[in-house]
Amino acid sequence: MDSTDRVRGICLALPETTERLSHGTPAFFVRDRKMFVMLWAGGHHDDDFPLLWCAAPAGAQEELIKADPERFFRPPYVGHRGWLGVRLDRDPDWSEIAELCEDAFRAVAPKTLAARLDAD
């Protein structure tokens, strides 16, 4: 299974999530409105490896980049809003990727919808 299929499976398992292309790449939205994950399967601009961009809770971007700058980065365009970039070409821990996607969902979803994750 490739990174696109894995990320798709993780994101579409979250409540009221939809997928559509944004900027030519798969993107995942809460209630078809607020994007929470973007997958650059072929990389972005000069990068030719898969990248995940995701919304992140306050402070997470700085913490994760500081802890592992070879894997995490501040993505262009959305990094100033706290989004996190993750390289997927270095044997990613898919349970960690699932947690990052869930955190991204929680960061943009209405509280009542995010609470459904805790009820499951």
N, C-alpha and C. Protein backbone atom coordinates (compact mmCIF):
# COMPACT_ATOMS: atom_id res chain seq x y z
N MET A 1 0.86 -1.17 0.00
CA MET A 1 0.00 0.00 0.00
C MET A 1 0.91 1.24 0.00
N ASP A 2 0.61 2.18 -0.88
CA ASP A 2 1.45 3.39 -0.95
C ASP A 2 0.97 4.45 0.05
N SER A 3 1.74 5.52 0.16
CA SER A 3 1.43 6.55 1.16
C SER A 3 0.07 7.20 0.91
N THR A 4 -0.32 7.37 -0.34
CA THR A 4 -1.61 7.98 -0.63
C THR A 4 -2.74 7.11 -0.08
N ASP A 5 -2.67 5.81 -0.34
CA ASP A 5 -3.71 4.91 0.15
C ASP A 5 -3.74 4.86 1.67
N ARG A 6 -2.58 4.87 2.30
CA ARG A 6 -2.52 4.84 3.76
C ARG A 6 -3.14 6.10 4.37
N VAL A 7 -2.73 7.26 3.86
CA VAL A 7 -3.27 8.53 4.39
C VAL A 7 -4.76 8.61 4.11
N ARG A 8 -5.16 8.20 2.94
CA ARG A 8 -6.60 8.21 2.60
C ARG A 8 -7.39 7.35 3.59
N GLY A 9 -6.91 6.16 3.89
CA GLY A 9 -7.60 5.28 4.83
C GLY A 9 -7.69 5.89 6.22
N ILE A 10 -6.61 6.52 6.66
CA ILE A 10 -6.59 7.16 7.98
C ILE A 10 -7.60 8.30 8.03
N CYS A 11 -7.53 9.19 7.04
CA CYS A 11 -8.37 10.39 7.07
C CYS A 11 -9.84 10.10 6.84
N LEU A 12 -10.15 9.22 5.90
CA LEU A 12 -11.55 8.95 5.60
C LEU A 12 -12.24 8.14 6.70
N ALA A 13 -11.48 7.59 7.62
CA ALA A 13 -12.08 6.90 8.77
C ALA A 13 -12.57 7.88 9.83
N LEU A 14 -12.17 9.13 9.71
CA LEU A 14 -12.60 10.16 10.67
C LEU A 14 -13.99 10.65 10.29
N PRO A 15 -14.82 11.02 11.26
CA PRO A 15 -16.22 11.37 10.96
C PRO A 15 -16.37 12.59 10.06
N GLU A 16 -17.28 12.46 9.12
CA GLU A 16 -17.68 13.54 8.22
C GLU A 16 -16.50 14.15 7.46
N THR A 17 -15.58 13.27 7.06
CA THR A 17 -14.42 13.69 6.28
C THR A 17 -14.66 13.40 4.82
N THR A 18 -14.24 14.33 3.97
CA THR A 18 -14.32 14.14 2.54
C THR A 18 -12.94 14.40 1.93
N GLU A 19 -12.77 13.89 0.73
CA GLU A 19 -11.52 14.09 0.00
C GLU A 19 -11.82 14.76 -1.33
N ARG A 20 -10.97 15.69 -1.69
CA ARG A 20 -11.01 16.26 -3.04
C ARG A 20 -9.64 16.84 -3.35
N LEU A 21 -9.40 17.07 -4.62
CA LEU A 21 -8.12 17.65 -5.01
C LEU A 21 -8.09 19.12 -4.64
N SER A 22 -6.94 19.53 -4.14
CA SER A 22 -6.68 20.94 -3.87
C SER A 22 -5.26 21.20 -4.34
N HIS A 23 -5.11 22.14 -5.23
CA HIS A 23 -3.80 22.43 -5.81
C HIS A 23 -3.22 21.18 -6.49
N GLY A 24 -4.10 20.35 -7.03
CA GLY A 24 -3.69 19.17 -7.77
C GLY A 24 -3.27 17.98 -6.93
N THR A 25 -3.53 18.02 -5.63
CA THR A 25 -3.11 16.94 -4.76
C THR A 25 -4.25 16.55 -3.81
N PRO A 26 -4.28 15.30 -3.34
CA PRO A 26 -5.35 14.90 -2.43
C PRO A 26 -5.35 15.73 -1.15
N ALA A 27 -6.54 16.18 -0.78
CA ALA A 27 -6.70 16.96 0.44
C ALA A 27 -7.96 16.45 1.15
N PHE A 28 -7.94 16.56 2.47
CA PHE A 28 -9.02 16.02 3.28
C PHE A 28 -9.65 17.13 4.10
N PHE A 29 -10.98 17.13 4.12
CA PHE A 29 -11.76 18.23 4.67
C PHE A 29 -12.76 17.73 5.71
N VAL A 30 -13.00 18.53 6.72
CA VAL A 30 -14.05 18.27 7.70
C VAL A 30 -15.32 18.90 7.16
N ARG A 31 -16.35 18.09 7.06
CA ARG A 31 -17.65 18.55 6.54
C ARG A 31 -17.52 19.28 5.21
N ASP A 32 -16.57 18.84 4.41
CA ASP A 32 -16.34 19.35 3.06
C ASP A 32 -16.00 20.84 3.04
N ARG A 33 -15.58 21.40 4.18
CA ARG A 33 -15.28 22.83 4.25
C ARG A 33 -13.87 23.14 4.69
N LYS A 34 -13.46 22.61 5.84
CA LYS A 34 -12.17 22.99 6.41
C LYS A 34 -11.13 21.89 6.17
N MET A 35 -10.08 22.26 5.44
CA MET A 35 -9.02 21.31 5.16
C MET A 35 -8.21 21.05 6.43
N PHE A 36 -7.85 19.76 6.63
CA PHE A 36 -7.00 19.44 7.77
C PHE A 36 -5.76 18.65 7.38
N VAL A 37 -5.74 18.03 6.22
CA VAL A 37 -4.57 17.30 5.73
C VAL A 37 -4.45 17.47 4.23
N MET A 38 -3.22 17.62 3.79
CA MET A 38 -2.89 17.68 2.37
C MET A 38 -1.75 16.70 2.12
N LEU A 39 -1.83 15.93 1.07
CA LEU A 39 -0.81 14.94 0.77
C LEU A 39 -0.15 15.26 -0.56
N TRP A 40 1.11 15.54 -0.51
CA TRP A 40 1.88 15.78 -1.73
C TRP A 40 2.57 14.46 -2.07
N ALA A 41 1.86 13.58 -2.78
CA ALA A 41 2.35 12.22 -3.04
C ALA A 41 3.64 12.22 -3.85
N GLY A 42 3.77 13.14 -4.77
CA GLY A 42 5.00 13.21 -5.58
C GLY A 42 5.91 14.32 -5.13
N GLY A 43 5.67 14.82 -3.94
CA GLY A 43 6.47 15.93 -3.44
C GLY A 43 5.83 17.26 -3.78
N HIS A 44 6.52 18.30 -3.44
CA HIS A 44 6.04 19.66 -3.69
C HIS A 44 7.18 20.46 -4.31
N HIS A 45 6.93 21.02 -5.46
CA HIS A 45 7.93 21.79 -6.21
C HIS A 45 9.20 20.97 -6.43
N ASP A 46 10.28 21.26 -5.74
CA ASP A 46 11.55 20.59 -6.00
C ASP A 46 11.72 19.27 -5.25
N ASP A 47 10.81 18.94 -4.37
CA ASP A 47 10.91 17.69 -3.63
C ASP A 47 10.27 16.58 -4.44
N ASP A 48 10.95 15.46 -4.57
CA ASP A 48 10.37 14.35 -5.32
C ASP A 48 10.06 13.16 -4.42
N PHE A 49 9.67 13.45 -3.20
CA PHE A 49 9.28 12.42 -2.24
C PHE A 49 7.97 12.85 -1.60
N PRO A 50 7.20 11.90 -1.08
CA PRO A 50 5.88 12.24 -0.52
C PRO A 50 5.99 13.06 0.76
N LEU A 51 5.08 14.02 0.87
CA LEU A 51 5.00 14.92 2.02
C LEU A 51 3.57 14.98 2.52
N LEU A 52 3.43 15.09 3.82
CA LEU A 52 2.13 15.31 4.44
C LEU A 52 2.16 16.68 5.08
N TRP A 53 1.15 17.47 4.81
CA TRP A 53 0.98 18.76 5.49
C TRP A 53 -0.29 18.62 6.30
N CYS A 54 -0.25 19.01 7.58
CA CYS A 54 -1.45 18.87 8.39
C CYS A 54 -1.57 20.00 9.39
N ALA A 55 -2.82 20.33 9.70
CA ALA A 55 -3.08 21.29 10.76
C ALA A 55 -2.52 20.68 12.04
N ALA A 56 -2.13 21.54 12.97
CA ALA A 56 -1.54 21.03 14.21
C ALA A 56 -2.02 21.87 15.39
N PRO A 57 -2.10 21.25 16.56
CA PRO A 57 -2.47 22.03 17.75
C PRO A 57 -1.40 23.08 18.04
N ALA A 58 -1.78 24.09 18.76
CA ALA A 58 -0.84 25.17 19.11
C ALA A 58 0.42 24.61 19.75
N GLY A 59 1.56 25.05 19.26
CA GLY A 59 2.85 24.65 19.81
C GLY A 59 3.43 23.36 19.27
N ALA A 60 2.61 22.54 18.64
CA ALA A 60 3.09 21.24 18.15
C ALA A 60 4.11 21.38 17.03
N GLN A 61 3.88 22.33 16.13
CA GLN A 61 4.81 22.52 15.02
C GLN A 61 6.23 22.75 15.53
N GLU A 62 6.40 23.72 16.41
CA GLU A 62 7.72 24.05 16.92
C GLU A 62 8.34 22.88 17.67
N GLU A 63 7.55 22.23 18.50
CA GLU A 63 8.04 21.12 19.30
C GLU A 63 8.55 19.96 18.44
N LEU A 64 7.76 19.58 17.44
CA LEU A 64 8.14 18.44 16.61
C LEU A 64 9.32 18.76 15.70
N ILE A 65 9.34 19.97 15.14
CA ILE A 65 10.47 20.35 14.29
C ILE A 65 11.76 20.37 15.11
N LYS A 66 11.68 20.88 16.30
CA LYS A 66 12.86 20.93 17.17
C LYS A 66 13.33 19.51 17.52
N ALA A 67 12.40 18.61 17.78
CA ALA A 67 12.73 17.25 18.17
C ALA A 67 13.33 16.44 17.01
N ASP A 68 12.86 16.67 15.78
CA ASP A 68 13.32 15.88 14.64
C ASP A 68 13.23 16.70 13.34
N PRO A 69 14.17 17.63 13.14
CA PRO A 69 14.12 18.50 11.95
C PRO A 69 14.39 17.78 10.63
N GLU A 70 14.86 16.55 10.69
CA GLU A 70 15.06 15.78 9.46
C GLU A 70 13.74 15.21 8.94
N ARG A 71 12.77 15.10 9.81
CA ARG A 71 11.47 14.52 9.43
C ARG A 71 10.36 15.54 9.39
N PHE A 72 10.37 16.51 10.31
CA PHE A 72 9.31 17.51 10.39
C PHE A 72 9.81 18.86 9.90
N PHE A 73 8.90 19.65 9.32
CA PHE A 73 9.28 20.96 8.81
C PHE A 73 8.07 21.89 8.81
N ARG A 74 8.36 23.17 8.63
CA ARG A 74 7.31 24.19 8.51
C ARG A 74 6.98 24.34 7.02
N PRO A 75 5.80 23.88 6.61
CA PRO A 75 5.48 23.91 5.18
C PRO A 75 5.23 25.33 4.67
N PRO A 76 5.54 25.55 3.39
CA PRO A 76 5.24 26.86 2.81
C PRO A 76 3.73 27.09 2.77
N TYR A 77 3.34 28.34 2.67
CA TYR A 77 1.94 28.78 2.52
C TYR A 77 1.09 28.62 3.79
N VAL A 78 1.20 27.49 4.49
CA VAL A 78 0.35 27.23 5.65
C VAL A 78 1.13 27.12 6.96
N GLY A 79 2.43 27.09 6.88
CA GLY A 79 3.26 26.95 8.07
C GLY A 79 3.08 28.09 9.05
N HIS A 80 2.84 29.29 8.53
CA HIS A 80 2.64 30.44 9.42
C HIS A 80 1.37 30.32 10.25
N ARG A 81 0.47 29.41 9.85
CA ARG A 81 -0.76 29.18 10.61
C ARG A 81 -0.61 27.99 11.57
N GLY A 82 0.62 27.50 11.73
CA GLY A 82 0.87 26.40 12.66
C GLY A 82 0.83 25.02 12.04
N TRP A 83 0.61 24.93 10.74
CA TRP A 83 0.58 23.62 10.10
C TRP A 83 1.95 22.98 10.17
N LEU A 84 1.95 21.65 10.12
CA LEU A 84 3.17 20.86 10.23
C LEU A 84 3.38 20.10 8.93
N GLY A 85 4.63 20.02 8.49
CA GLY A 85 5.01 19.20 7.35
C GLY A 85 5.73 17.96 7.84
N VAL A 86 5.47 16.83 7.18
CA VAL A 86 6.09 15.56 7.56
C VAL A 86 6.59 14.86 6.31
N ARG A 87 7.86 14.49 6.31
CA ARG A 87 8.40 13.70 5.21
C ARG A 87 7.91 12.27 5.36
N LEU A 88 7.46 11.68 4.25
CA LEU A 88 6.97 10.30 4.28
C LEU A 88 7.91 9.34 3.56
N ASP A 89 9.11 9.79 3.26
CA ASP A 89 10.06 8.95 2.52
C ASP A 89 11.07 8.27 3.43
N ARG A 90 10.94 8.42 4.72
CA ARG A 90 11.92 7.89 5.66
C ARG A 90 11.29 6.87 6.60
N ASP A 91 10.70 5.84 6.03
CA ASP A 91 10.08 4.77 6.80
C ASP A 91 9.18 5.32 7.91
N PRO A 92 8.09 5.97 7.52
CA PRO A 92 7.22 6.60 8.52
C PRO A 92 6.58 5.59 9.48
N ASP A 93 6.38 6.04 10.68
CA ASP A 93 5.65 5.27 11.68
C ASP A 93 4.17 5.58 11.42
N TRP A 94 3.44 4.63 10.85
CA TRP A 94 2.08 4.90 10.41
C TRP A 94 1.12 5.12 11.58
N SER A 95 1.41 4.58 12.74
CA SER A 95 0.55 4.89 13.89
C SER A 95 0.76 6.35 14.31
N GLU A 96 1.99 6.85 14.20
CA GLU A 96 2.25 8.26 14.49
C GLU A 96 1.58 9.16 13.45
N ILE A 97 1.62 8.76 12.18
CA ILE A 97 0.96 9.53 11.12
C ILE A 97 -0.54 9.58 11.40
N ALA A 98 -1.11 8.47 11.83
CA ALA A 98 -2.54 8.44 12.16
C ALA A 98 -2.85 9.40 13.30
N GLU A 99 -1.98 9.45 14.30
CA GLU A 99 -2.17 10.39 15.42
C GLU A 99 -2.08 11.84 14.94
N LEU A 100 -1.13 12.12 14.07
CA LEU A 100 -1.00 13.48 13.53
C LEU A 100 -2.24 13.88 12.74
N CYS A 101 -2.77 12.94 11.96
CA CYS A 101 -3.99 13.23 11.18
C CYS A 101 -5.18 13.45 12.11
N GLU A 102 -5.28 12.65 13.15
CA GLU A 102 -6.37 12.84 14.12
C GLU A 102 -6.23 14.18 14.84
N ASP A 103 -5.00 14.53 15.22
CA ASP A 103 -4.77 15.83 15.85
C ASP A 103 -5.15 16.97 14.90
N ALA A 104 -4.83 16.79 13.62
CA ALA A 104 -5.17 17.81 12.61
C ALA A 104 -6.69 17.95 12.50
N PHE A 105 -7.38 16.82 12.49
CA PHE A 105 -8.84 16.82 12.44
C PHE A 105 -9.40 17.59 13.64
N ARG A 106 -8.91 17.25 14.83
CA ARG A 106 -9.37 17.91 16.05
C ARG A 106 -9.09 19.42 16.02
N ALA A 107 -7.99 19.82 15.37
CA ALA A 107 -7.62 21.24 15.33
C ALA A 107 -8.60 22.08 14.52
N VAL A 108 -9.29 21.47 13.55
CA VAL A 108 -10.20 22.26 12.70
C VAL A 108 -11.67 21.88 12.84
N ALA A 109 -11.95 20.71 13.38
CA ALA A 109 -13.34 20.25 13.48
C ALA A 109 -14.09 20.99 14.58
N PRO A 110 -15.40 21.16 14.40
CA PRO A 110 -16.21 21.69 15.51
C PRO A 110 -16.07 20.76 16.72
N LYS A 111 -16.16 21.32 17.91
CA LYS A 111 -15.94 20.54 19.14
C LYS A 111 -16.88 19.35 19.25
N THR A 112 -18.12 19.52 18.83
CA THR A 112 -19.07 18.41 18.93
C THR A 112 -18.68 17.26 18.01
N LEU A 113 -18.13 17.57 16.86
CA LEU A 113 -17.70 16.54 15.92
C LEU A 113 -16.41 15.88 16.42
N ALA A 114 -15.48 16.65 16.92
CA ALA A 114 -14.24 16.10 17.47
C ALA A 114 -14.53 15.19 18.66
N ALA A 115 -15.55 15.53 19.43
CA ALA A 115 -15.92 14.72 20.60
C ALA A 115 -16.36 13.32 20.20
N ARG A 116 -16.83 13.17 18.97
CA ARG A 116 -17.23 11.83 18.50
C ARG A 116 -16.06 10.87 18.46
N LEU A 117 -14.84 11.40 18.30
CA LEU A 117 -13.66 10.53 18.31
C LEU A 117 -13.48 9.89 19.68
N ASP A 118 -13.76 10.64 20.72
CA ASP A 118 -13.61 10.13 22.08
C ASP A 118 -14.71 9.14 22.44
N ALA A 119 -15.86 9.27 21.81
CA ALA A 119 -16.99 8.40 22.10
C ALA A 119 -16.82 7.02 21.46
N ASP A 120 -16.03 6.96 20.38
CA ASP A 120 -15.85 5.69 19.66
C ASP A 120 -14.92 4.73 20.35
